[in-house]
Amino acid sequence: MLIETLKMSSKGQVVIPLDMREEIGAGEGTLFAAMSSDHTVILKKIETPSKEDLIKELSLIAKDGKRRLQSTGRGESDILKMVAKSRV
């Protein structure tokens, strides 16, 4: 764990030192969540999934949805009919 002293700019900005950025694998565009309490600010790097991971997860969700639909004895055409009926 690294400890550094930082100085805030007039715009409220602080620079995360390079060695800390490297340690956590943060580059330009990295997202952080900020939490504060009792004179303490904590930054938590938000992990963003890759395109491949998102596609894999959506595929699993779609397969589960299809399995659940088939277990009810319905098909995709039934879903289209339900959507059309609900829009009336």
N, C-alpha and C. Protein backbone atom coordinates (compact mmCIF):
# COMPACT_ATOMS: atom_id res chain seq x y z
N MET A 1 0.84 -1.17 0.00
CA MET A 1 0.00 0.00 0.00
C MET A 1 0.89 1.24 0.00
N LEU A 2 0.55 2.19 -0.85
CA LEU A 2 1.31 3.42 -0.95
C LEU A 2 0.58 4.55 -0.24
N ILE A 3 1.33 5.48 0.35
CA ILE A 3 0.76 6.66 0.97
C ILE A 3 1.47 7.87 0.39
N GLU A 4 0.69 8.82 -0.10
CA GLU A 4 1.24 10.04 -0.70
C GLU A 4 0.50 11.24 -0.14
N THR A 5 1.12 12.41 -0.21
CA THR A 5 0.47 13.66 0.13
C THR A 5 0.10 14.35 -1.18
N LEU A 6 -1.18 14.76 -1.27
CA LEU A 6 -1.67 15.40 -2.49
C LEU A 6 -2.16 16.80 -2.16
N LYS A 7 -2.14 17.67 -3.16
CA LYS A 7 -2.63 19.03 -2.98
C LYS A 7 -3.76 19.27 -3.97
N MET A 8 -4.87 19.81 -3.46
CA MET A 8 -6.03 20.08 -4.30
C MET A 8 -5.85 21.42 -5.00
N SER A 9 -6.26 21.46 -6.27
CA SER A 9 -6.20 22.71 -7.04
C SER A 9 -7.39 23.60 -6.69
N SER A 10 -7.39 24.80 -7.23
CA SER A 10 -8.49 25.73 -6.99
C SER A 10 -9.80 25.22 -7.59
N LYS A 11 -9.71 24.27 -8.51
CA LYS A 11 -10.90 23.68 -9.13
C LYS A 11 -11.34 22.40 -8.40
N GLY A 12 -10.70 22.09 -7.29
CA GLY A 12 -11.07 20.89 -6.52
C GLY A 12 -10.48 19.62 -7.09
N GLN A 13 -9.46 19.73 -7.91
CA GLN A 13 -8.86 18.56 -8.55
C GLN A 13 -7.61 18.11 -7.79
N VAL A 14 -7.42 16.80 -7.75
CA VAL A 14 -6.18 16.21 -7.22
C VAL A 14 -5.66 15.24 -8.27
N VAL A 15 -4.36 15.09 -8.31
CA VAL A 15 -3.73 14.16 -9.24
C VAL A 15 -3.32 12.91 -8.46
N ILE A 16 -3.76 11.76 -8.96
CA ILE A 16 -3.36 10.49 -8.36
C ILE A 16 -1.95 10.19 -8.89
N PRO A 17 -0.97 10.04 -8.01
CA PRO A 17 0.40 9.80 -8.45
C PRO A 17 0.52 8.57 -9.37
N LEU A 18 1.46 8.65 -10.29
CA LEU A 18 1.67 7.60 -11.29
C LEU A 18 1.86 6.23 -10.65
N ASP A 19 2.66 6.14 -9.61
CA ASP A 19 2.91 4.82 -9.01
C ASP A 19 1.62 4.22 -8.45
N MET A 20 0.72 5.06 -7.94
CA MET A 20 -0.57 4.56 -7.45
C MET A 20 -1.47 4.13 -8.61
N ARG A 21 -1.47 4.94 -9.66
CA ARG A 21 -2.28 4.57 -10.85
C ARG A 21 -1.81 3.25 -11.43
N GLU A 22 -0.50 3.07 -11.49
CA GLU A 22 0.05 1.81 -12.01
C GLU A 22 -0.31 0.63 -11.10
N GLU A 23 -0.25 0.86 -9.78
CA GLU A 23 -0.55 -0.21 -8.83
C GLU A 23 -1.98 -0.73 -8.99
N ILE A 24 -2.92 0.17 -9.27
CA ILE A 24 -4.32 -0.26 -9.39
C ILE A 24 -4.76 -0.45 -10.84
N GLY A 25 -3.85 -0.22 -11.78
CA GLY A 25 -4.17 -0.41 -13.19
C GLY A 25 -5.15 0.62 -13.71
N ALA A 26 -4.99 1.88 -13.31
CA ALA A 26 -5.88 2.96 -13.73
C ALA A 26 -5.23 3.79 -14.82
N GLY A 27 -5.95 3.97 -15.90
CA GLY A 27 -5.47 4.81 -16.99
C GLY A 27 -6.49 5.89 -17.29
N GLU A 28 -6.23 6.64 -18.34
CA GLU A 28 -7.15 7.70 -18.73
C GLU A 28 -8.55 7.13 -18.95
N GLY A 29 -9.55 7.79 -18.40
CA GLY A 29 -10.93 7.35 -18.55
C GLY A 29 -11.40 6.35 -17.50
N THR A 30 -10.51 5.95 -16.59
CA THR A 30 -10.91 5.03 -15.53
C THR A 30 -11.97 5.68 -14.66
N LEU A 31 -13.01 4.93 -14.33
CA LEU A 31 -14.08 5.45 -13.48
C LEU A 31 -13.83 5.10 -12.02
N PHE A 32 -14.20 6.04 -11.15
CA PHE A 32 -14.06 5.84 -9.71
C PHE A 32 -15.38 6.19 -9.03
N ALA A 33 -15.66 5.52 -7.94
CA ALA A 33 -16.73 5.92 -7.03
C ALA A 33 -16.03 6.65 -5.89
N ALA A 34 -16.62 7.76 -5.43
CA ALA A 34 -16.04 8.52 -4.34
C ALA A 34 -16.98 8.47 -3.14
N MET A 35 -16.41 8.19 -1.96
CA MET A 35 -17.19 8.14 -0.72
C MET A 35 -16.50 9.05 0.29
N SER A 36 -17.31 9.73 1.11
CA SER A 36 -16.71 10.59 2.12
C SER A 36 -17.40 10.41 3.46
N SER A 37 -16.62 10.60 4.53
CA SER A 37 -17.13 10.52 5.89
C SER A 37 -16.05 11.02 6.85
N ASP A 38 -16.43 11.87 7.77
CA ASP A 38 -15.51 12.33 8.82
C ASP A 38 -14.13 12.72 8.29
N HIS A 39 -14.06 13.69 7.44
CA HIS A 39 -12.79 14.22 6.91
C HIS A 39 -11.99 13.20 6.13
N THR A 40 -12.66 12.19 5.60
CA THR A 40 -11.98 11.15 4.82
C THR A 40 -12.67 11.00 3.48
N VAL A 41 -11.89 10.91 2.42
CA VAL A 41 -12.42 10.64 1.08
C VAL A 41 -11.77 9.37 0.58
N ILE A 42 -12.59 8.45 0.09
CA ILE A 42 -12.08 7.18 -0.43
C ILE A 42 -12.49 7.08 -1.89
N LEU A 43 -11.54 6.75 -2.75
CA LEU A 43 -11.83 6.49 -4.16
C LEU A 43 -11.77 5.00 -4.39
N LYS A 44 -12.76 4.47 -5.09
CA LYS A 44 -12.80 3.03 -5.42
C LYS A 44 -12.88 2.92 -6.94
N LYS A 45 -11.92 2.25 -7.52
CA LYS A 45 -11.92 2.04 -8.96
C LYS A 45 -13.11 1.17 -9.34
N ILE A 46 -13.85 1.61 -10.36
CA ILE A 46 -14.99 0.84 -10.84
C ILE A 46 -14.53 0.00 -12.02
N GLU A 47 -14.65 -1.30 -11.87
CA GLU A 47 -14.25 -2.19 -12.95
C GLU A 47 -15.33 -2.19 -14.03
N THR A 48 -14.96 -1.94 -15.25
CA THR A 48 -15.91 -1.99 -16.36
C THR A 48 -15.64 -3.25 -17.16
N PRO A 49 -16.69 -4.03 -17.42
CA PRO A 49 -16.48 -5.27 -18.15
C PRO A 49 -16.09 -5.02 -19.60
N SER A 50 -15.38 -5.96 -20.18
CA SER A 50 -15.01 -5.86 -21.58
C SER A 50 -16.22 -6.16 -22.45
N LYS A 51 -16.13 -5.81 -23.71
CA LYS A 51 -17.21 -6.10 -24.66
C LYS A 51 -17.50 -7.60 -24.70
N GLU A 52 -16.45 -8.40 -24.68
CA GLU A 52 -16.60 -9.85 -24.72
C GLU A 52 -17.33 -10.36 -23.49
N ASP A 53 -16.98 -9.80 -22.31
CA ASP A 53 -17.65 -10.21 -21.07
C ASP A 53 -19.13 -9.83 -21.09
N LEU A 54 -19.43 -8.64 -21.62
CA LEU A 54 -20.83 -8.22 -21.72
C LEU A 54 -21.63 -9.13 -22.64
N ILE A 55 -21.04 -9.47 -23.79
CA ILE A 55 -21.71 -10.36 -24.74
C ILE A 55 -21.95 -11.72 -24.11
N LYS A 56 -20.96 -12.23 -23.40
CA LYS A 56 -21.09 -13.53 -22.73
C LYS A 56 -22.22 -13.49 -21.70
N GLU A 57 -22.26 -12.43 -20.88
CA GLU A 57 -23.29 -12.30 -19.85
C GLU A 57 -24.68 -12.17 -20.47
N LEU A 58 -24.81 -11.36 -21.52
CA LEU A 58 -26.10 -11.21 -22.19
C LEU A 58 -26.54 -12.52 -22.84
N SER A 59 -25.60 -13.28 -23.36
CA SER A 59 -25.92 -14.58 -23.94
C SER A 59 -26.48 -15.53 -22.88
N LEU A 60 -25.86 -15.52 -21.70
CA LEU A 60 -26.35 -16.36 -20.60
C LEU A 60 -27.75 -15.94 -20.16
N ILE A 61 -27.98 -14.63 -20.10
CA ILE A 61 -29.31 -14.13 -19.73
C ILE A 61 -30.35 -14.55 -20.76
N ALA A 62 -29.98 -14.44 -22.05
CA ALA A 62 -30.90 -14.83 -23.12
C ALA A 62 -31.21 -16.33 -23.07
N LYS A 63 -30.20 -17.15 -22.83
CA LYS A 63 -30.42 -18.59 -22.74
C LYS A 63 -31.33 -18.94 -21.57
N ASP A 64 -31.11 -18.26 -20.43
CA ASP A 64 -31.96 -18.50 -19.26
C ASP A 64 -33.39 -18.07 -19.55
N GLY A 65 -33.56 -16.93 -20.20
CA GLY A 65 -34.90 -16.46 -20.55
C GLY A 65 -35.61 -17.43 -21.49
N LYS A 66 -34.88 -17.95 -22.47
CA LYS A 66 -35.46 -18.89 -23.42
C LYS A 66 -35.86 -20.20 -22.71
N ARG A 67 -35.00 -20.64 -21.80
CA ARG A 67 -35.30 -21.85 -21.03
C ARG A 67 -36.56 -21.66 -20.20
N ARG A 68 -36.65 -20.51 -19.53
CA ARG A 68 -37.83 -20.23 -18.71
C ARG A 68 -39.09 -20.12 -19.55
N LEU A 69 -38.97 -19.52 -20.72
CA LEU A 69 -40.11 -19.39 -21.63
C LEU A 69 -40.58 -20.77 -22.07
N GLN A 70 -39.64 -21.63 -22.46
CA GLN A 70 -39.99 -22.98 -22.91
C GLN A 70 -40.62 -23.80 -21.79
N SER A 71 -40.22 -23.55 -20.56
CA SER A 71 -40.79 -24.31 -19.43
C SER A 71 -42.26 -23.97 -19.21
N THR A 72 -42.71 -22.84 -19.75
CA THR A 72 -44.12 -22.45 -19.62
C THR A 72 -44.95 -22.98 -20.79
N GLY A 73 -44.27 -23.58 -21.78
CA GLY A 73 -44.96 -24.09 -22.95
C GLY A 73 -45.24 -23.01 -23.99
N ARG A 74 -44.62 -21.86 -23.84
CA ARG A 74 -44.82 -20.76 -24.79
C ARG A 74 -43.60 -20.63 -25.69
N GLY A 75 -43.78 -19.89 -26.78
CA GLY A 75 -42.70 -19.65 -27.72
C GLY A 75 -42.51 -18.16 -27.96
N GLU A 76 -41.57 -17.81 -28.83
CA GLU A 76 -41.28 -16.40 -29.11
C GLU A 76 -42.49 -15.67 -29.68
N SER A 77 -43.27 -16.35 -30.50
CA SER A 77 -44.45 -15.70 -31.09
C SER A 77 -45.45 -15.31 -30.01
N ASP A 78 -45.52 -16.09 -28.93
CA ASP A 78 -46.41 -15.75 -27.82
C ASP A 78 -45.96 -14.45 -27.15
N ILE A 79 -44.67 -14.26 -27.06
CA ILE A 79 -44.14 -13.03 -26.46
C ILE A 79 -44.53 -11.83 -27.31
N LEU A 80 -44.38 -11.97 -28.63
CA LEU A 80 -44.75 -10.87 -29.53
C LEU A 80 -46.23 -10.53 -29.38
N LYS A 81 -47.06 -11.54 -29.25
CA LYS A 81 -48.50 -11.31 -29.07
C LYS A 81 -48.77 -10.61 -27.74
N MET A 82 -48.08 -11.00 -26.67
CA MET A 82 -48.27 -10.37 -25.36
C MET A 82 -47.84 -8.90 -25.39
N VAL A 83 -46.74 -8.63 -26.07
CA VAL A 83 -46.25 -7.24 -26.17
C VAL A 83 -47.26 -6.41 -26.95
N ALA A 84 -47.73 -6.93 -28.08
CA ALA A 84 -48.71 -6.21 -28.90
C ALA A 84 -49.99 -5.95 -28.11
N LYS A 85 -50.43 -6.94 -27.35
CA LYS A 85 -51.66 -6.80 -26.56
C LYS A 85 -51.49 -5.74 -25.47
N SER A 86 -50.32 -5.68 -24.86
CA SER A 86 -50.10 -4.72 -23.77
C SER A 86 -49.99 -3.29 -24.29
N ARG A 87 -49.67 -3.11 -25.56
CA ARG A 87 -49.53 -1.77 -26.13
C ARG A 87 -50.87 -1.16 -26.52
N VAL A 88 -51.92 -1.96 -26.50
CA VAL A 88 -53.25 -1.45 -26.91
C VAL A 88 -53.86 -0.59 -25.83
